C-alpha atoms as a PDB file:
ATOM      1  CA  UNK A   1     -49.056  38.334  41.468  1.00  0.00           C
ATOM      2  CA  UNK A   2     -51.144  35.692  39.770  1.00  0.00           C
ATOM      3  CA  UNK A   3     -50.436  32.043  39.130  1.00  0.00           C
ATOM      4  CA  UNK A   4     -50.234  31.241  35.450  1.00  0.00           C
ATOM      5  CA  UNK A   5     -52.188  27.988  35.960  1.00  0.00           C
ATOM      6  CA  UNK A   6     -53.588  25.872  38.782  1.00  0.00           C
ATOM      7  CA  UNK A   7     -51.372  23.388  40.588  1.00  0.00           C
ATOM      8  CA  UNK A   8     -51.731  21.326  43.781  1.00  0.00           C
ATOM      9  CA  UNK A   9     -50.963  23.412  46.849  1.00  0.00           C
ATOM     10  CA  UNK A  10     -49.740  26.974  46.906  1.00  0.00           C
ATOM     11  CA  UNK A  11     -46.335  27.949  45.521  1.00  0.00           C
ATOM     12  CA  UNK A  12     -44.939  28.700  48.992  1.00  0.00           C
ATOM     13  CA  UNK A  13     -46.344  25.420  50.380  1.00  0.00           C
ATOM     14  CA  UNK A  14     -44.719  23.481  47.545  1.00  0.00           C
ATOM     15  CA  UNK A  15     -41.333  25.088  48.212  1.00  0.00           C
ATOM     16  CA  UNK A  16     -41.697  24.523  51.944  1.00  0.00           C
ATOM     17  CA  UNK A  17     -42.734  20.884  51.390  1.00  0.00           C
ATOM     18  CA  UNK A  18     -39.651  20.196  49.274  1.00  0.00           C
ATOM     19  CA  UNK A  19     -37.440  21.752  51.950  1.00  0.00           C
ATOM     20  CA  UNK A  20     -39.190  19.807  54.735  1.00  0.00           C
ATOM     21  CA  UNK A  21     -38.798  16.516  52.835  1.00  0.00           C
ATOM     22  CA  UNK A  22     -35.046  17.064  52.477  1.00  0.00           C
ATOM     23  CA  UNK A  23     -34.818  18.209  56.117  1.00  0.00           C
ATOM     24  CA  UNK A  24     -36.582  15.084  57.402  1.00  0.00           C
ATOM     25  CA  UNK A  25     -34.397  12.921  55.173  1.00  0.00           C
ATOM     26  CA  UNK A  26     -31.217  14.444  56.607  1.00  0.00           C
ATOM     27  CA  UNK A  27     -32.474  13.821  60.157  1.00  0.00           C
ATOM     28  CA  UNK A  28     -33.674  10.301  59.283  1.00  0.00           C
ATOM     29  CA  UNK A  29     -30.244   9.437  57.840  1.00  0.00           C
ATOM     30  CA  UNK A  30     -28.523  10.670  61.022  1.00  0.00           C
ATOM     31  CA  UNK A  31     -26.620  13.425  59.225  1.00  0.00           C
ATOM     32  CA  UNK A  32     -27.909  16.108  61.623  1.00  0.00           C
ATOM     33  CA  UNK A  33     -30.313  16.355  64.544  1.00  0.00           C
ATOM     34  CA  UNK A  34     -33.557  18.293  64.245  1.00  0.00           C
ATOM     35  CA  UNK A  35     -32.034  21.043  66.382  1.00  0.00           C
ATOM     36  CA  UNK A  36     -28.904  21.267  64.228  1.00  0.00           C
ATOM     37  CA  UNK A  37     -30.897  21.292  61.013  1.00  0.00           C
ATOM     38  CA  UNK A  38     -33.224  24.037  62.219  1.00  0.00           C
ATOM     39  CA  UNK A  39     -30.262  26.124  63.375  1.00  0.00           C
ATOM     40  CA  UNK A  40     -28.620  25.795  59.953  1.00  0.00           C
ATOM     41  CA  UNK A  41     -31.879  26.618  58.172  1.00  0.00           C
ATOM     42  CA  UNK A  42     -32.602  29.688  60.310  1.00  0.00           C
ATOM     43  CA  UNK A  43     -29.082  31.100  60.485  1.00  0.00           C
ATOM     44  CA  UNK A  44     -28.057  30.409  56.893  1.00  0.00           C
ATOM     45  CA  UNK A  45     -30.852  29.674  54.465  1.00  0.00           C
ATOM     46  CA  UNK A  46     -33.544  31.650  56.279  1.00  0.00           C
ATOM     47  CA  UNK A  47     -31.467  34.792  56.487  1.00  0.00           C
ATOM     48  CA  UNK A  48     -30.588  34.574  52.807  1.00  0.00           C
ATOM     49  CA  UNK A  49     -34.179  33.904  51.737  1.00  0.00           C
ATOM     50  CA  UNK A  50     -35.389  36.913  53.726  1.00  0.00           C
ATOM     51  CA  UNK A  51     -33.204  39.055  51.494  1.00  0.00           C
ATOM     52  CA  UNK A  52     -32.766  37.182  48.199  1.00  0.00           C
ATOM     53  CA  UNK A  53     -35.055  34.703  46.441  1.00  0.00           C
ATOM     54  CA  UNK A  54     -33.697  31.328  45.336  1.00  0.00           C
ATOM     55  CA  UNK A  55     -33.529  32.174  41.633  1.00  0.00           C
ATOM     56  CA  UNK A  56     -32.159  35.653  42.269  1.00  0.00           C
ATOM     57  CA  UNK A  57     -29.423  34.002  44.365  1.00  0.00           C
ATOM     58  CA  UNK A  58     -28.580  31.646  41.490  1.00  0.00           C
ATOM     59  CA  UNK A  59     -28.225  34.627  39.150  1.00  0.00           C
ATOM     60  CA  UNK A  60     -25.988  36.406  41.671  1.00  0.00           C
ATOM     61  CA  UNK A  61     -23.745  33.349  42.167  1.00  0.00           C
ATOM     62  CA  UNK A  62     -23.791  32.451  38.488  1.00  0.00           C
ATOM     63  CA  UNK A  63     -25.972  29.893  36.782  1.00  0.00           C
ATOM     64  CA  UNK A  64     -22.848  28.102  35.560  1.00  0.00           C
ATOM     65  CA  UNK A  65     -21.618  27.730  39.158  1.00  0.00           C
ATOM     66  CA  UNK A  66     -25.017  26.469  40.267  1.00  0.00           C
ATOM     67  CA  UNK A  67     -25.112  24.037  37.336  1.00  0.00           C
ATOM     68  CA  UNK A  68     -21.762  22.573  38.376  1.00  0.00           C
ATOM     69  CA  UNK A  69     -22.972  22.151  41.966  1.00  0.00           C
ATOM     70  CA  UNK A  70     -26.318  20.544  41.125  1.00  0.00           C
ATOM     71  CA  UNK A  71     -24.696  17.965  38.893  1.00  0.00           C
ATOM     72  CA  UNK A  72     -23.378  16.227  41.997  1.00  0.00           C
ATOM     73  CA  UNK A  73     -25.967  17.377  44.579  1.00  0.00           C
ATOM     74  CA  UNK A  74     -29.260  16.656  42.767  1.00  0.00           C
ATOM     75  CA  UNK A  75     -28.674  12.894  42.516  1.00  0.00           C
ATOM     76  CA  UNK A  76     -28.267  12.754  46.304  1.00  0.00           C
ATOM     77  CA  UNK A  77     -31.376  14.787  47.196  1.00  0.00           C
ATOM     78  CA  UNK A  78     -34.417  13.090  48.683  1.00  0.00           C
ATOM     79  CA  UNK A  79     -36.950  12.474  45.927  1.00  0.00           C
ATOM     80  CA  UNK A  80     -39.498  10.225  47.591  1.00  0.00           C
ATOM     81  CA  UNK A  81     -43.059  10.700  46.382  1.00  0.00           C
ATOM     82  CA  UNK A  82     -44.476   9.360  49.659  1.00  0.00           C
ATOM     83  CA  UNK A  83     -44.025  10.495  53.265  1.00  0.00           C
ATOM     84  CA  UNK A  84     -40.681   9.423  54.687  1.00  0.00           C
ATOM     85  CA  UNK A  85     -40.292   6.663  57.280  1.00  0.00           C
ATOM     86  CA  UNK A  86     -39.420   9.179  60.006  1.00  0.00           C
ATOM     87  CA  UNK A  87     -42.632  11.125  59.306  1.00  0.00           C
ATOM     88  CA  UNK A  88     -44.749   7.965  59.226  1.00  0.00           C
ATOM     89  CA  UNK A  89     -43.158   6.694  62.463  1.00  0.00           C
ATOM     90  CA  UNK A  90     -43.881   9.929  64.321  1.00  0.00           C
ATOM     91  CA  UNK A  91     -47.524   9.889  63.200  1.00  0.00           C
ATOM     92  CA  UNK A  92     -47.779   6.220  64.209  1.00  0.00           C
ATOM     93  CA  UNK A  93     -46.419   7.109  67.656  1.00  0.00           C
ATOM     94  CA  UNK A  94     -48.999   9.935  68.021  1.00  0.00           C
ATOM     95  CA  UNK A  95     -46.184  12.487  67.865  1.00  0.00           C
ATOM     96  CA  UNK A  96     -47.954  15.296  66.027  1.00  0.00           C
ATOM     97  CA  UNK A  97     -45.679  18.107  67.155  1.00  0.00           C
ATOM     98  CA  UNK A  98     -46.738  20.965  69.382  1.00  0.00           C
ATOM     99  CA  UNK A  99     -50.390  19.828  69.514  1.00  0.00           C
ATOM    100  CA  UNK A 100     -49.405  16.516  71.171  1.00  0.00           C
ATOM    101  CA  UNK A 101     -46.368  17.934  73.044  1.00  0.00           C
ATOM    102  CA  UNK A 102     -43.983  15.718  71.060  1.00  0.00           C
ATOM    103  CA  UNK A 103     -42.687  15.677  67.495  1.00  0.00           C
ATOM    104  CA  UNK A 104     -39.132  16.425  66.486  1.00  0.00           C
ATOM    105  CA  UNK A 105     -39.060  18.459  69.714  1.00  0.00           C
ATOM    106  CA  UNK A 106     -40.445  17.986  73.234  1.00  0.00           C
ATOM    107  CA  UNK A 107     -43.038  20.746  73.676  1.00  0.00           C
ATOM    108  CA  UNK A 108     -44.355  19.617  77.063  1.00  0.00           C
ATOM    109  CA  UNK A 109     -42.565  22.237  79.168  1.00  0.00           C
ATOM    110  CA  UNK A 110     -42.977  25.157  76.747  1.00  0.00           C
ATOM    111  CA  UNK A 111     -45.499  27.971  77.238  1.00  0.00           C
ATOM    112  CA  UNK A 112     -46.897  27.552  73.737  1.00  0.00           C
ATOM    113  CA  UNK A 113     -48.826  30.837  73.594  1.00  0.00           C
ATOM    114  CA  UNK A 114     -45.771  32.817  74.647  1.00  0.00           C
ATOM    115  CA  UNK A 115     -43.540  30.856  72.256  1.00  0.00           C
ATOM    116  CA  UNK A 116     -45.858  31.454  69.283  1.00  0.00           C
ATOM    117  CA  UNK A 117     -46.317  35.120  70.188  1.00  0.00           C
ATOM    118  CA  UNK A 118     -42.538  35.587  70.164  1.00  0.00           C
ATOM    119  CA  UNK A 119     -42.266  33.791  66.805  1.00  0.00           C
ATOM    120  CA  UNK A 120     -44.955  36.085  65.357  1.00  0.00           C
ATOM    121  CA  UNK A 121     -43.212  39.197  66.715  1.00  0.00           C
ATOM    122  CA  UNK A 122     -39.897  38.067  65.221  1.00  0.00           C
ATOM    123  CA  UNK A 123     -41.536  37.411  61.846  1.00  0.00           C
ATOM    124  CA  UNK A 124     -43.135  40.864  61.851  1.00  0.00           C
ATOM    125  CA  UNK A 125     -39.783  42.441  62.730  1.00  0.00           C
ATOM    126  CA  UNK A 126     -38.096  40.582  59.853  1.00  0.00           C
ATOM    127  CA  UNK A 127     -40.793  41.655  57.402  1.00  0.00           C
ATOM    128  CA  UNK A 128     -40.353  45.286  58.471  1.00  0.00           C
ATOM    129  CA  UNK A 129     -36.608  45.051  57.893  1.00  0.00           C
ATOM    130  CA  UNK A 130     -36.762  43.487  54.426  1.00  0.00           C
ATOM    131  CA  UNK A 131     -39.591  45.613  53.046  1.00  0.00           C
END
């Protein structure tokens, strides 16, 4: 597949950035914890995306249904064009995630190589299933 024209970032990075911005906003607003949000994303959205793309899903559900939903959801979505306060605060506190042992999670007691190896194995298993 080829991009029709150049744009900042890669398509997947742009989608992931939009999702991450909304995720951080929901945590920042106290609606969910990081752990709760990641659970929801993995067990609901992630499973669906492994099988059905976002636009394919809209066609399956009905574009009219999606249109009705987005009329009240879109105005409430995070639309900041700058990093959110929660992101800025973590960077300011030298909380860079796994590389500093602290981010949204405490990574200090985790065997990082083993953790990442298991994540890679799981991803490969998922890819094999959905191919």
